[in-house]
C-alpha atoms as a PDB file:
ATOM      1  CA  MET A   1     -21.818  56.837 -25.380  1.00  0.00           C
ATOM      2  CA  SER A   2     -21.810  56.852 -21.617  1.00  0.00           C
ATOM      3  CA  ASP A   3     -19.947  54.291 -19.439  1.00  0.00           C
ATOM      4  CA  ALA A   4     -23.261  52.821 -18.403  1.00  0.00           C
ATOM      5  CA  ASP A   5     -24.218  52.297 -22.066  1.00  0.00           C
ATOM      6  CA  ILE A   6     -20.900  50.589 -22.871  1.00  0.00           C
ATOM      7  CA  GLN A   7     -21.229  48.262 -19.887  1.00  0.00           C
ATOM      8  CA  HIS A   8     -24.822  47.396 -20.912  1.00  0.00           C
ATOM      9  CA  GLN A   9     -23.709  46.683 -24.478  1.00  0.00           C
ATOM     10  CA  ASN A  10     -20.815  44.440 -23.332  1.00  0.00           C
ATOM     11  CA  SER A  11     -23.092  42.480 -21.021  1.00  0.00           C
ATOM     12  CA  ARG A  12     -25.553  41.933 -23.923  1.00  0.00           C
ATOM     13  CA  ARG A  13     -22.767  40.786 -26.169  1.00  0.00           C
ATOM     14  CA  ASN A  14     -21.600  38.247 -23.555  1.00  0.00           C
ATOM     15  CA  TRP A  15     -25.181  36.953 -23.119  1.00  0.00           C
ATOM     16  CA  LEU A  16     -25.660  36.575 -26.846  1.00  0.00           C
ATOM     17  CA  LYS A  17     -22.321  34.721 -27.153  1.00  0.00           C
ATOM     18  CA  LYS A  18     -23.210  32.206 -24.390  1.00  0.00           C
ATOM     19  CA  SER A  19     -26.746  31.740 -25.908  1.00  0.00           C
ATOM     20  CA  SER A  20     -25.279  31.048 -29.295  1.00  0.00           C
ATOM     21  CA  LEU A  21     -22.825  28.468 -27.917  1.00  0.00           C
ATOM     22  CA  LEU A  22     -25.564  26.782 -25.979  1.00  0.00           C
ATOM     23  CA  GLY A  23     -27.895  26.648 -28.961  1.00  0.00           C
ATOM     24  CA  SER A  24     -25.106  25.199 -31.110  1.00  0.00           C
ATOM     25  CA  ALA A  25     -24.371  22.555 -28.519  1.00  0.00           C
ATOM     26  CA  LEU A  26     -28.032  21.499 -28.406  1.00  0.00           C
ATOM     27  CA  LEU A  27     -28.249  21.329 -32.229  1.00  0.00           C
ATOM     28  CA  THR A  28     -25.078  19.222 -32.609  1.00  0.00           C
ATOM     29  CA  GLY A  29     -25.752  16.923 -29.671  1.00  0.00           C
ATOM     30  CA  HIS A  30     -22.556  17.999 -27.821  1.00  0.00           C
ATOM     31  CA  PRO A  31     -22.566  18.880 -24.115  1.00  0.00           C
ATOM     32  CA  ALA A  32     -23.290  22.523 -23.332  1.00  0.00           C
ATOM     33  CA  LEU A  33     -20.150  24.585 -23.267  1.00  0.00           C
ATOM     34  CA  THR A  34     -19.538  26.381 -19.998  1.00  0.00           C
ATOM     35  CA  GLU A  35     -16.760  28.376 -18.448  1.00  0.00           C
ATOM     36  CA  THR A  36     -16.037  25.487 -16.040  1.00  0.00           C
ATOM     37  CA  LYS A  37     -14.157  22.550 -17.595  1.00  0.00           C
ATOM     38  CA  ALA A  38     -15.245  19.042 -16.613  1.00  0.00           C
ATOM     39  CA  LYS A  39     -12.732  17.095 -14.496  1.00  0.00           C
ATOM     40  CA  LYS A  40     -10.665  14.466 -16.252  1.00  0.00           C
ATOM     41  CA  VAL A  41      -8.787  11.412 -15.084  1.00  0.00           C
ATOM     42  CA  VAL A  42      -5.113  12.160 -14.596  1.00  0.00           C
ATOM     43  CA  ARG A  43      -3.965   8.920 -13.014  1.00  0.00           C
ATOM     44  CA  ARG A  44      -5.447   5.490 -12.180  1.00  0.00           C
ATOM     45  CA  LEU A  45      -3.274   3.835  -9.615  1.00  0.00           C
ATOM     46  CA  PRO A  46      -2.562   0.101 -10.268  1.00  0.00           C
ATOM     47  CA  ILE A  47      -4.259  -2.123  -7.672  1.00  0.00           C
ATOM     48  CA  SER A  48      -3.017  -5.550  -6.606  1.00  0.00           C
ATOM     49  CA  VAL A  49      -4.536  -8.089  -4.216  1.00  0.00           C
ATOM     50  CA  SER A  50      -2.630  -9.785  -1.441  1.00  0.00           C
ATOM     51  CA  SER A  51      -2.848 -13.516  -1.268  1.00  0.00           C
ATOM     52  CA  PHE A  52      -3.388 -12.983   2.440  1.00  0.00           C
ATOM     53  CA  CYS A  53      -6.903 -11.772   1.731  1.00  0.00           C
ATOM     54  CA  TYR A  54      -7.937 -15.382   1.110  1.00  0.00           C
ATOM     55  CA  TRP A  55      -6.077 -17.075   3.947  1.00  0.00           C
ATOM     56  CA  HIS A  56      -5.719 -15.114   7.190  1.00  0.00           C
ATOM     57  CA  PHE A  57      -3.308 -17.648   8.641  1.00  0.00           C
ATOM     58  CA  LYS A  58      -5.940 -20.378   8.881  1.00  0.00           C
ATOM     59  CA  GLU A  59      -4.891 -24.034   9.368  1.00  0.00           C
ATOM     60  CA  VAL A  60      -5.217 -24.862   5.662  1.00  0.00           C
ATOM     61  CA  LYS A  61      -3.311 -22.605   3.275  1.00  0.00           C
ATOM     62  CA  TYR A  62      -5.323 -21.045   0.445  1.00  0.00           C
ATOM     63  CA  PRO A  63      -3.499 -21.805  -2.834  1.00  0.00           C
ATOM     64  CA  ILE A  64      -1.780 -18.687  -4.311  1.00  0.00           C
ATOM     65  CA  GLU A  65      -2.545 -20.149  -7.761  1.00  0.00           C
ATOM     66  CA  LYS A  66      -6.263 -19.597  -7.116  1.00  0.00           C
ATOM     67  CA  VAL A  67      -5.602 -16.036  -5.920  1.00  0.00           C
ATOM     68  CA  ILE A  68      -3.886 -15.323  -9.250  1.00  0.00           C
ATOM     69  CA  GLU A  69      -6.737 -16.835 -11.278  1.00  0.00           C
ATOM     70  CA  ASP A  70      -9.248 -14.811  -9.232  1.00  0.00           C
ATOM     71  CA  ALA A  71      -7.279 -11.601  -9.584  1.00  0.00           C
ATOM     72  CA  GLY A  72      -7.111 -11.974 -13.397  1.00  0.00           C
ATOM     73  CA  ARG A  73     -10.910 -12.592 -13.563  1.00  0.00           C
ATOM     74  CA  LEU A  74     -11.799  -9.667 -11.352  1.00  0.00           C
ATOM     75  CA  GLY A  75      -9.580  -7.133 -13.163  1.00  0.00           C
ATOM     76  CA  PHE A  76      -6.783  -6.492 -10.617  1.00  0.00           C
ATOM     77  CA  ASP A  77      -3.393  -5.224 -11.946  1.00  0.00           C
ATOM     78  CA  GLY A  78      -1.245  -7.506  -9.750  1.00  0.00           C
ATOM     79  CA  VAL A  79      -0.939  -9.959  -6.873  1.00  0.00           C
ATOM     80  CA  GLU A  80       1.012  -9.483  -3.721  1.00  0.00           C
ATOM     81  CA  ILE A  81       2.525 -12.824  -2.537  1.00  0.00           C
ATOM     82  CA  LEU A  82       2.722 -13.572   1.147  1.00  0.00           C
ATOM     83  CA  HIS A  83       5.860 -15.663   1.663  1.00  0.00           C
ATOM     84  CA  LYS A  84       4.328 -17.753   4.502  1.00  0.00           C
ATOM     85  CA  GLN A  85       1.473 -18.708   2.207  1.00  0.00           C
ATOM     86  CA  MET A  86       3.791 -20.234  -0.420  1.00  0.00           C
ATOM     87  CA  THR A  87       3.626 -23.995  -0.735  1.00  0.00           C
ATOM     88  CA  ASP A  88       7.435 -24.255  -0.850  1.00  0.00           C
ATOM     89  CA  GLU A  89      10.412 -22.395  -1.974  1.00  0.00           C
ATOM     90  CA  SER A  90      11.443 -24.475  -4.952  1.00  0.00           C
ATOM     91  CA  VAL A  91      12.397 -22.745  -8.213  1.00  0.00           C
ATOM     92  CA  SER A  92       9.811 -24.762 -10.101  1.00  0.00           C
ATOM     93  CA  TYR A  93       7.037 -23.500  -7.774  1.00  0.00           C
ATOM     94  CA  GLN A  94       8.262 -19.918  -8.085  1.00  0.00           C
ATOM     95  CA  ASN A  95       8.390 -20.182 -11.820  1.00  0.00           C
ATOM     96  CA  LYS A  96       4.844 -21.558 -11.848  1.00  0.00           C
ATOM     97  CA  LEU A  97       3.503 -18.523  -9.952  1.00  0.00           C
ATOM     98  CA  LYS A  98       5.423 -16.150 -12.267  1.00  0.00           C
ATOM     99  CA  ARG A  99       4.046 -17.828 -15.379  1.00  0.00           C
ATOM    100  CA  MET A 100       0.525 -17.880 -14.074  1.00  0.00           C
ATOM    101  CA  ALA A 101       0.706 -14.155 -13.259  1.00  0.00           C
ATOM    102  CA  PHE A 102       1.993 -13.466 -16.790  1.00  0.00           C
ATOM    103  CA  ASP A 103      -0.738 -15.542 -18.444  1.00  0.00           C
ATOM    104  CA  ASN A 104      -3.377 -13.643 -16.454  1.00  0.00           C
ATOM    105  CA  GLY A 105      -1.925 -10.199 -17.384  1.00  0.00           C
ATOM    106  CA  LEU A 106      -0.810  -9.507 -13.820  1.00  0.00           C
ATOM    107  CA  ALA A 107       2.252  -8.046 -12.201  1.00  0.00           C
ATOM    108  CA  LEU A 108       3.780  -9.409  -8.961  1.00  0.00           C
ATOM    109  CA  PRO A 109       4.738  -6.100  -7.287  1.00  0.00           C
ATOM    110  CA  LEU A 110       5.403  -7.249  -3.688  1.00  0.00           C
ATOM    111  CA  LEU A 111       6.704 -10.211  -1.735  1.00  0.00           C
ATOM    112  CA  SER A 112       5.533  -9.801   1.920  1.00  0.00           C
ATOM    113  CA  ILE A 113       7.955 -11.463   4.381  1.00  0.00           C
ATOM    114  CA  HIS A 114       8.412 -11.542   8.142  1.00  0.00           C
ATOM    115  CA  GLN A 115      11.387 -10.858  10.325  1.00  0.00           C
ATOM    116  CA  SER A 116      12.262  -9.073  13.592  1.00  0.00           C
ATOM    117  CA  PHE A 117      15.369  -7.130  14.342  1.00  0.00           C
ATOM    118  CA  VAL A 118      14.089  -6.099  17.798  1.00  0.00           C
ATOM    119  CA  ASN A 119      16.047  -8.798  19.595  1.00  0.00           C
ATOM    120  CA  PRO A 120      19.166  -8.542  21.855  1.00  0.00           C
ATOM    121  CA  ASP A 121      20.345 -11.936  20.583  1.00  0.00           C
ATOM    122  CA  ASP A 122      22.860 -11.236  17.780  1.00  0.00           C
ATOM    123  CA  GLU A 123      22.490 -14.727  16.319  1.00  0.00           C
ATOM    124  CA  LYS A 124      18.763 -14.485  16.012  1.00  0.00           C
ATOM    125  CA  ARG A 125      18.990 -11.096  14.260  1.00  0.00           C
ATOM    126  CA  LYS A 126      21.661 -12.493  11.905  1.00  0.00           C
ATOM    127  CA  ALA A 127      19.330 -15.438  11.159  1.00  0.00           C
ATOM    128  CA  ASP A 128      16.669 -12.976  10.101  1.00  0.00           C
ATOM    129  CA  VAL A 129      19.161 -11.168   7.937  1.00  0.00           C
ATOM    130  CA  GLU A 130      19.923 -14.427   6.159  1.00  0.00           C
ATOM    131  CA  HIS A 131      16.223 -15.170   5.848  1.00  0.00           C
ATOM    132  CA  THR A 132      15.739 -11.800   4.191  1.00  0.00           C
ATOM    133  CA  LYS A 133      18.590 -12.440   1.725  1.00  0.00           C
ATOM    134  CA  ARG A 134      17.009 -15.755   0.795  1.00  0.00           C
ATOM    135  CA  CYS A 135      13.718 -13.974   0.163  1.00  0.00           C
ATOM    136  CA  ILE A 136      15.451 -11.333  -1.940  1.00  0.00           C
ATOM    137  CA  ASP A 137      16.695 -14.218  -4.128  1.00  0.00           C
ATOM    138  CA  MET A 138      13.143 -15.527  -4.452  1.00  0.00           C
ATOM    139  CA  ALA A 139      11.933 -12.076  -5.415  1.00  0.00           C
ATOM    140  CA  VAL A 140      14.456 -11.965  -8.205  1.00  0.00           C
ATOM    141  CA  GLN A 141      13.448 -15.419  -9.384  1.00  0.00           C
ATOM    142  CA  MET A 142       9.777 -14.396  -9.570  1.00  0.00           C
ATOM    143  CA  GLY A 143      10.422 -11.005 -11.023  1.00  0.00           C
ATOM    144  CA  ILE A 144       9.174  -9.192  -7.933  1.00  0.00           C
ATOM    145  CA  PRO A 145      10.697  -5.687  -7.541  1.00  0.00           C
ATOM    146  CA  CYS A 146       9.838  -5.074  -3.881  1.00  0.00           C
ATOM    147  CA  VAL A 147      10.086  -6.945  -0.543  1.00  0.00           C
ATOM    148  CA  ARG A 148       8.019  -5.903   2.531  1.00  0.00           C
ATOM    149  CA  MET A 149      10.186  -5.520   5.654  1.00  0.00           C
ATOM    150  CA  ASN A 150       9.285  -5.290   9.376  1.00  0.00           C
ATOM    151  CA  THR A 151      11.133  -3.660  12.260  1.00  0.00           C
ATOM    152  CA  GLY A 152       9.829  -6.361  14.665  1.00  0.00           C
ATOM    153  CA  SER A 153       8.706  -6.107  18.242  1.00  0.00           C
ATOM    154  CA  TRP A 154       9.757  -6.777  21.825  1.00  0.00           C
ATOM    155  CA  GLY A 155       7.097  -9.456  22.145  1.00  0.00           C
ATOM    156  CA  THR A 156       6.159  -8.281  25.633  1.00  0.00           C
ATOM    157  CA  ALA A 157       2.528  -7.263  24.804  1.00  0.00           C
ATOM    158  CA  VAL A 158      -0.510  -9.509  24.316  1.00  0.00           C
ATOM    159  CA  ARG A 159      -1.866  -8.940  20.847  1.00  0.00           C
ATOM    160  CA  ASN A 160      -5.445  -8.177  21.919  1.00  0.00           C
ATOM    161  CA  THR A 161      -7.893  -5.433  20.944  1.00  0.00           C
ATOM    162  CA  GLU A 162      -6.328  -2.992  23.383  1.00  0.00           C
ATOM    163  CA  TYR A 163      -2.893  -3.521  21.911  1.00  0.00           C
ATOM    164  CA  PHE A 164      -4.116  -2.604  18.455  1.00  0.00           C
ATOM    165  CA  LYS A 165      -5.569   0.626  19.823  1.00  0.00           C
ATOM    166  CA  THR A 166      -2.349   1.796  21.522  1.00  0.00           C
ATOM    167  CA  GLY A 167       0.522  -0.237  20.151  1.00  0.00           C
ATOM    168  CA  ALA A 168       1.985  -0.022  23.680  1.00  0.00           C
ATOM    169  CA  GLU A 169       4.882  -2.453  24.280  1.00  0.00           C
ATOM    170  CA  THR A 170       7.430  -2.484  27.068  1.00  0.00           C
ATOM    171  CA  PRO A 171      11.060  -3.178  26.175  1.00  0.00           C
ATOM    172  CA  ILE A 172      12.755  -6.214  27.637  1.00  0.00           C
ATOM    173  CA  LYS A 173      14.346  -5.461  30.979  1.00  0.00           C
ATOM    174  CA  GLY A 174      17.847  -3.966  30.565  1.00  0.00           C
ATOM    175  CA  TYR A 175      17.130  -2.545  27.095  1.00  0.00           C
ATOM    176  CA  THR A 176      15.419   0.476  25.538  1.00  0.00           C
ATOM    177  CA  ASN A 177      13.855   1.413  22.219  1.00  0.00           C
ATOM    178  CA  GLU A 178      17.115   3.142  21.349  1.00  0.00           C
ATOM    179  CA  ASP A 179      18.801  -0.274  21.370  1.00  0.00           C
ATOM    180  CA  ALA A 180      16.033  -1.648  19.152  1.00  0.00           C
ATOM    181  CA  ILE A 181      16.367   1.330  16.683  1.00  0.00           C
ATOM    182  CA  LYS A 182      20.133   0.691  16.412  1.00  0.00           C
ATOM    183  CA  TRP A 183      19.598  -2.996  15.756  1.00  0.00           C
ATOM    184  CA  CYS A 184      17.070  -2.264  13.056  1.00  0.00           C
ATOM    185  CA  ILE A 185      19.263   0.227  11.252  1.00  0.00           C
ATOM    186  CA  ASP A 186      22.348  -2.072  11.450  1.00  0.00           C
ATOM    187  CA  GLU A 187      20.583  -5.217  10.221  1.00  0.00           C
ATOM    188  CA  MET A 188      18.538  -3.340   7.557  1.00  0.00           C
ATOM    189  CA  HIS A 189      21.852  -1.871   6.317  1.00  0.00           C
ATOM    190  CA  GLU A 190      23.201  -5.408   5.814  1.00  0.00           C
ATOM    191  CA  CYS A 191      20.030  -6.494   3.932  1.00  0.00           C
ATOM    192  CA  LEU A 192      20.163  -3.329   1.749  1.00  0.00           C
ATOM    193  CA  LYS A 193      23.702  -4.105   0.557  1.00  0.00           C
ATOM    194  CA  TYR A 194      22.428  -7.431  -0.701  1.00  0.00           C
ATOM    195  CA  ALA A 195      19.252  -5.934  -2.154  1.00  0.00           C
ATOM    196  CA  GLU A 196      21.237  -3.244  -4.061  1.00  0.00           C
ATOM    197  CA  LYS A 197      23.142  -5.926  -5.954  1.00  0.00           C
ATOM    198  CA  ALA A 198      19.908  -7.773  -6.718  1.00  0.00           C
ATOM    199  CA  GLY A 199      18.023  -4.639  -7.846  1.00  0.00           C
ATOM    200  CA  VAL A 200      15.243  -5.155  -5.264  1.00  0.00           C
ATOM    201  CA  VAL A 201      13.617  -2.526  -3.062  1.00  0.00           C
ATOM    202  CA  LEU A 202      13.162  -3.246   0.647  1.00  0.00           C
ATOM    203  CA  ALA A 203      10.096  -1.451   1.886  1.00  0.00           C
ATOM    204  CA  ILE A 204       9.868  -1.069   5.648  1.00  0.00           C
ATOM    205  CA  GLU A 205       6.262  -1.140   6.935  1.00  0.00           C
ATOM    206  CA  ASN A 206       4.363   0.438   9.793  1.00  0.00           C
ATOM    207  CA  HIS A 207       3.622  -3.124  11.002  1.00  0.00           C
ATOM    208  CA  TRP A 208       3.030  -2.780  14.767  1.00  0.00           C
ATOM    209  CA  GLY A 209       5.823  -3.417  17.294  1.00  0.00           C
ATOM    210  CA  LEU A 210       8.523  -0.711  17.195  1.00  0.00           C
ATOM    211  CA  SER A 211       7.055   0.741  13.978  1.00  0.00           C
ATOM    212  CA  SER A 212       3.752   1.595  15.712  1.00  0.00           C
ATOM    213  CA  ASP A 213       5.543   4.902  16.477  1.00  0.00           C
ATOM    214  CA  ILE A 214       5.800   6.374  13.019  1.00  0.00           C
ATOM    215  CA  ASP A 215       8.368   8.917  14.167  1.00  0.00           C
ATOM    216  CA  ILE A 216      10.651   6.043  14.961  1.00  0.00           C
ATOM    217  CA  LEU A 217       9.829   4.466  11.625  1.00  0.00           C
ATOM    218  CA  ILE A 218      10.626   7.650   9.753  1.00  0.00           C
ATOM    219  CA  ARG A 219      13.864   7.979  11.709  1.00  0.00           C
ATOM    220  CA  ILE A 220      14.959   4.472  10.713  1.00  0.00           C
ATOM    221  CA  TYR A 221      13.906   5.155   7.072  1.00  0.00           C
ATOM    222  CA  LYS A 222      15.900   8.429   6.865  1.00  0.00           C
ATOM    223  CA  GLU A 223      19.031   6.785   8.412  1.00  0.00           C
ATOM    224  CA  LEU A 224      18.922   4.279   5.493  1.00  0.00           C
ATOM    225  CA  SER A 225      17.514   6.422   2.749  1.00  0.00           C
ATOM    226  CA  GLY A 226      20.909   6.876   1.119  1.00  0.00           C
ATOM    227  CA  SER A 227      20.502   3.399  -0.315  1.00  0.00           C
ATOM    228  CA  PRO A 228      18.772   3.176  -3.685  1.00  0.00           C
ATOM    229  CA  SER A 229      17.041   0.083  -2.396  1.00  0.00           C
ATOM    230  CA  MET A 230      15.438   1.635   0.661  1.00  0.00           C
ATOM    231  CA  GLY A 231      11.621   2.018   0.432  1.00  0.00           C
ATOM    232  CA  MET A 232       8.573   2.481   2.654  1.00  0.00           C
ATOM    233  CA  ASN A 233       5.460   0.279   2.706  1.00  0.00           C
ATOM    234  CA  VAL A 234       2.552   2.290   4.141  1.00  0.00           C
ATOM    235  CA  ASP A 235      -0.296   0.232   5.574  1.00  0.00           C
ATOM    236  CA  THR A 236      -3.575   2.218   5.962  1.00  0.00           C
ATOM    237  CA  GLY A 237      -4.859  -0.020   8.710  1.00  0.00           C
ATOM    238  CA  ASN A 238      -1.813  -0.219  10.964  1.00  0.00           C
ATOM    239  CA  PHE A 239      -1.984   3.289  12.489  1.00  0.00           C
ATOM    240  CA  VAL A 240      -2.449   3.642  16.231  1.00  0.00           C
ATOM    241  CA  GLY A 241      -5.148   6.218  16.861  1.00  0.00           C
ATOM    242  CA  GLU A 242      -6.361   8.693  14.257  1.00  0.00           C
ATOM    243  CA  PRO A 243      -4.834   7.586  10.967  1.00  0.00           C
ATOM    244  CA  TYR A 244      -5.050  10.514   8.541  1.00  0.00           C
ATOM    245  CA  ALA A 245      -2.504  12.929  10.017  1.00  0.00           C
ATOM    246  CA  GLN A 246      -0.050   9.963  10.353  1.00  0.00           C
ATOM    247  CA  LEU A 247      -0.684   8.924   6.768  1.00  0.00           C
ATOM    248  CA  GLU A 248       0.107  12.511   5.614  1.00  0.00           C
ATOM    249  CA  LYS A 249       3.509  12.201   7.354  1.00  0.00           C
ATOM    250  CA  LEU A 250       4.339   8.895   5.747  1.00  0.00           C
ATOM    251  CA  ALA A 251       2.836   9.469   2.291  1.00  0.00           C
ATOM    252  CA  PRO A 252       5.796  11.426   0.879  1.00  0.00           C
ATOM    253  CA  TYR A 253       8.073   8.357   1.563  1.00  0.00           C
ATOM    254  CA  ALA A 254       5.695   5.684   0.241  1.00  0.00           C
ATOM    255  CA  THR A 255       7.049   3.171  -2.196  1.00  0.00           C
ATOM    256  CA  ILE A 256       3.946   0.920  -2.020  1.00  0.00           C
ATOM    257  CA  VAL A 257       0.680   1.230  -0.088  1.00  0.00           C
ATOM    258  CA  GLN A 258      -1.293  -1.633   1.464  1.00  0.00           C
ATOM    259  CA  ALA A 259      -4.987  -0.771   1.780  1.00  0.00           C
ATOM    260  CA  LYS A 260      -7.070  -2.635   4.364  1.00  0.00           C
ATOM    261  CA  THR A 261     -10.780  -3.403   4.359  1.00  0.00           C
ATOM    262  CA  TYR A 262     -12.743  -5.172   7.079  1.00  0.00           C
ATOM    263  CA  TYR A 263     -15.969  -6.525   5.564  1.00  0.00           C
ATOM    264  CA  GLY A 264     -17.825  -8.775   8.067  1.00  0.00           C
ATOM    265  CA  GLY A 265     -15.809  -7.305  10.969  1.00  0.00           C
ATOM    266  CA  GLY A 266     -12.056  -7.483  11.319  1.00  0.00           C
ATOM    267  CA  GLU A 267     -10.188 -10.678  12.365  1.00  0.00           C
ATOM    268  CA  ASN A 268      -8.313  -8.773  15.049  1.00  0.00           C
ATOM    269  CA  TYR A 269      -9.737  -5.207  15.056  1.00  0.00           C
ATOM    270  CA  ASP A 270     -12.005  -2.889  13.006  1.00  0.00           C
ATOM    271  CA  LYS A 271     -11.231   0.426  11.352  1.00  0.00           C
ATOM    272  CA  ASP A 272     -13.682   2.660   9.482  1.00  0.00           C
ATOM    273  CA  LEU A 273     -11.359   4.050   6.777  1.00  0.00           C
ATOM    274  CA  ASP A 274     -12.377   6.893   4.551  1.00  0.00           C
ATOM    275  CA  TYR A 275     -10.759   5.901   1.244  1.00  0.00           C
ATOM    276  CA  THR A 276     -11.926   9.028  -0.598  1.00  0.00           C
ATOM    277  CA  ARG A 277      -9.960  10.996   1.985  1.00  0.00           C
ATOM    278  CA  ILE A 278      -6.966   8.623   1.805  1.00  0.00           C
ATOM    279  CA  GLY A 279      -6.914   8.937  -1.998  1.00  0.00           C
ATOM    280  CA  LYS A 280      -6.748  12.668  -1.733  1.00  0.00           C
ATOM    281  CA  ILE A 281      -3.852  12.482   0.708  1.00  0.00           C
ATOM    282  CA  LEU A 282      -1.891  10.223  -1.638  1.00  0.00           C
ATOM    283  CA  GLN A 283      -2.715  12.364  -4.665  1.00  0.00           C
ATOM    284  CA  LYS A 284      -1.487  15.447  -2.825  1.00  0.00           C
ATOM    285  CA  ALA A 285       1.767  13.601  -2.031  1.00  0.00           C
ATOM    286  CA  ASN A 286       2.146  12.735  -5.761  1.00  0.00           C
ATOM    287  CA  TYR A 287       2.032   9.027  -5.046  1.00  0.00           C
ATOM    288  CA  ASN A 288       1.911   7.017  -8.261  1.00  0.00           C
ATOM    289  CA  GLY A 289       2.710   3.425  -7.110  1.00  0.00           C
ATOM    290  CA  TYR A 290       0.778   0.288  -6.411  1.00  0.00           C
ATOM    291  CA  ILE A 291      -2.149  -0.006  -3.976  1.00  0.00           C
ATOM    292  CA  SER A 292      -2.243  -3.544  -2.620  1.00  0.00           C
ATOM    293  CA  LEU A 293      -5.520  -4.728  -1.084  1.00  0.00           C
ATOM    294  CA  GLU A 294      -5.379  -6.524   2.249  1.00  0.00           C
ATOM    295  CA  MET A 295      -8.952  -7.578   3.103  1.00  0.00           C
ATOM    296  CA  GLU A 296      -8.836  -8.584   6.820  1.00  0.00           C
ATOM    297  CA  GLY A 297     -12.535  -9.039   7.456  1.00  0.00           C
ATOM    298  CA  LYS A 298     -14.408 -12.194   8.378  1.00  0.00           C
ATOM    299  CA  GLU A 299     -16.570 -12.074   5.245  1.00  0.00           C
ATOM    300  CA  ASP A 300     -15.815 -14.614   2.495  1.00  0.00           C
ATOM    301  CA  ALA A 301     -13.085 -13.228   0.267  1.00  0.00           C
ATOM    302  CA  LYS A 302     -15.073 -14.244  -2.767  1.00  0.00           C
ATOM    303  CA  THR A 303     -17.610 -11.465  -2.015  1.00  0.00           C
ATOM    304  CA  ALA A 304     -15.450  -9.065   0.069  1.00  0.00           C
ATOM    305  CA  VAL A 305     -12.530  -8.776  -2.369  1.00  0.00           C
ATOM    306  CA  PRO A 306     -14.634  -7.596  -5.299  1.00  0.00           C
ATOM    307  CA  LYS A 307     -16.378  -5.072  -3.082  1.00  0.00           C
ATOM    308  CA  SER A 308     -13.023  -3.850  -1.804  1.00  0.00           C
ATOM    309  CA  LEU A 309     -11.701  -3.522  -5.402  1.00  0.00           C
ATOM    310  CA  GLU A 310     -14.712  -1.320  -6.321  1.00  0.00           C
ATOM    311  CA  VAL A 311     -13.994   0.988  -3.341  1.00  0.00           C
ATOM    312  CA  LEU A 312     -10.285   1.258  -4.142  1.00  0.00           C
ATOM    313  CA  ARG A 313     -10.767   1.810  -7.905  1.00  0.00           C
ATOM    314  CA  LYS A 314     -13.002   4.800  -7.140  1.00  0.00           C
ATOM    315  CA  ALA A 315     -10.682   6.256  -4.447  1.00  0.00           C
ATOM    316  CA  PHE A 316      -7.501   5.858  -6.382  1.00  0.00           C
ATOM    317  CA  THR A 317      -8.696   7.164  -9.752  1.00  0.00           C
ATOM    318  CA  PHE A 318      -7.256  10.681  -9.464  1.00  0.00           C
ATOM    319  CA  MET A 319      -9.073  13.532 -11.136  1.00  0.00           C
ATOM    320  CA  ALA A 320      -8.056  17.108 -11.998  1.00  0.00           C
END
């Protein structure tokens, strides 16, 4: 038998094999078997909702209790609590929020707090260290494993549309960003010593101010990364300029990710974020933690939050 005859016979055998499999699949009602396997879900990232989505620092605080009830009804996995939105700091109130979350099948993955270490006044920086320690205690009381941290800012720039495009901010006369970097590292170090004893992660965020420069943010993070309590909170909406390359730089350090949406137009600025692309960046970085929704649009949260959840569920269901 010639080589051509052998090749023809092998091709015919392969054709018959595939035809037989296809016919069997049609008879049994199973999908046709092909050489290409269908993709399967390898990871669904848990998604929480920030209580901030419903408030936006309006005059009247939106009750966190209602956020928890809404999150349970909509199918979120958790609720991020904004400290400034809490009614008070009493143990009974904290226990109430913890119990409500448990009853609704929800985790409380993040307590978002505010502080600034970009300040030449030693006493003011120390006051923010003490504030952070108090918030760590509250996180322990509520069973929250992670606290959001800020570097802070010089406070010399007007927070207008232009600022959110550039993040440009001039240091106070007589000081430089190098001074601010040192203050942040020193004060964060003090906070971390307290957090380590409490078993709480402190996740520093790209939250404008000094942290608008993500190279500075990474530098601060790396200086403190020897602590088991040091973490990184990556906010998808807080990048100056094109976000995706910067997100790729921060993703390997991410402890938690805040995902912004802007339905109805942003309260301060708008960003058109491609969450399919963002999901692929985080998947490539092997990120497996929480995604926390921060809806910052003007649309009513009762319609914008469910739409946001649908987008995030699709983007952060990883396939392989």
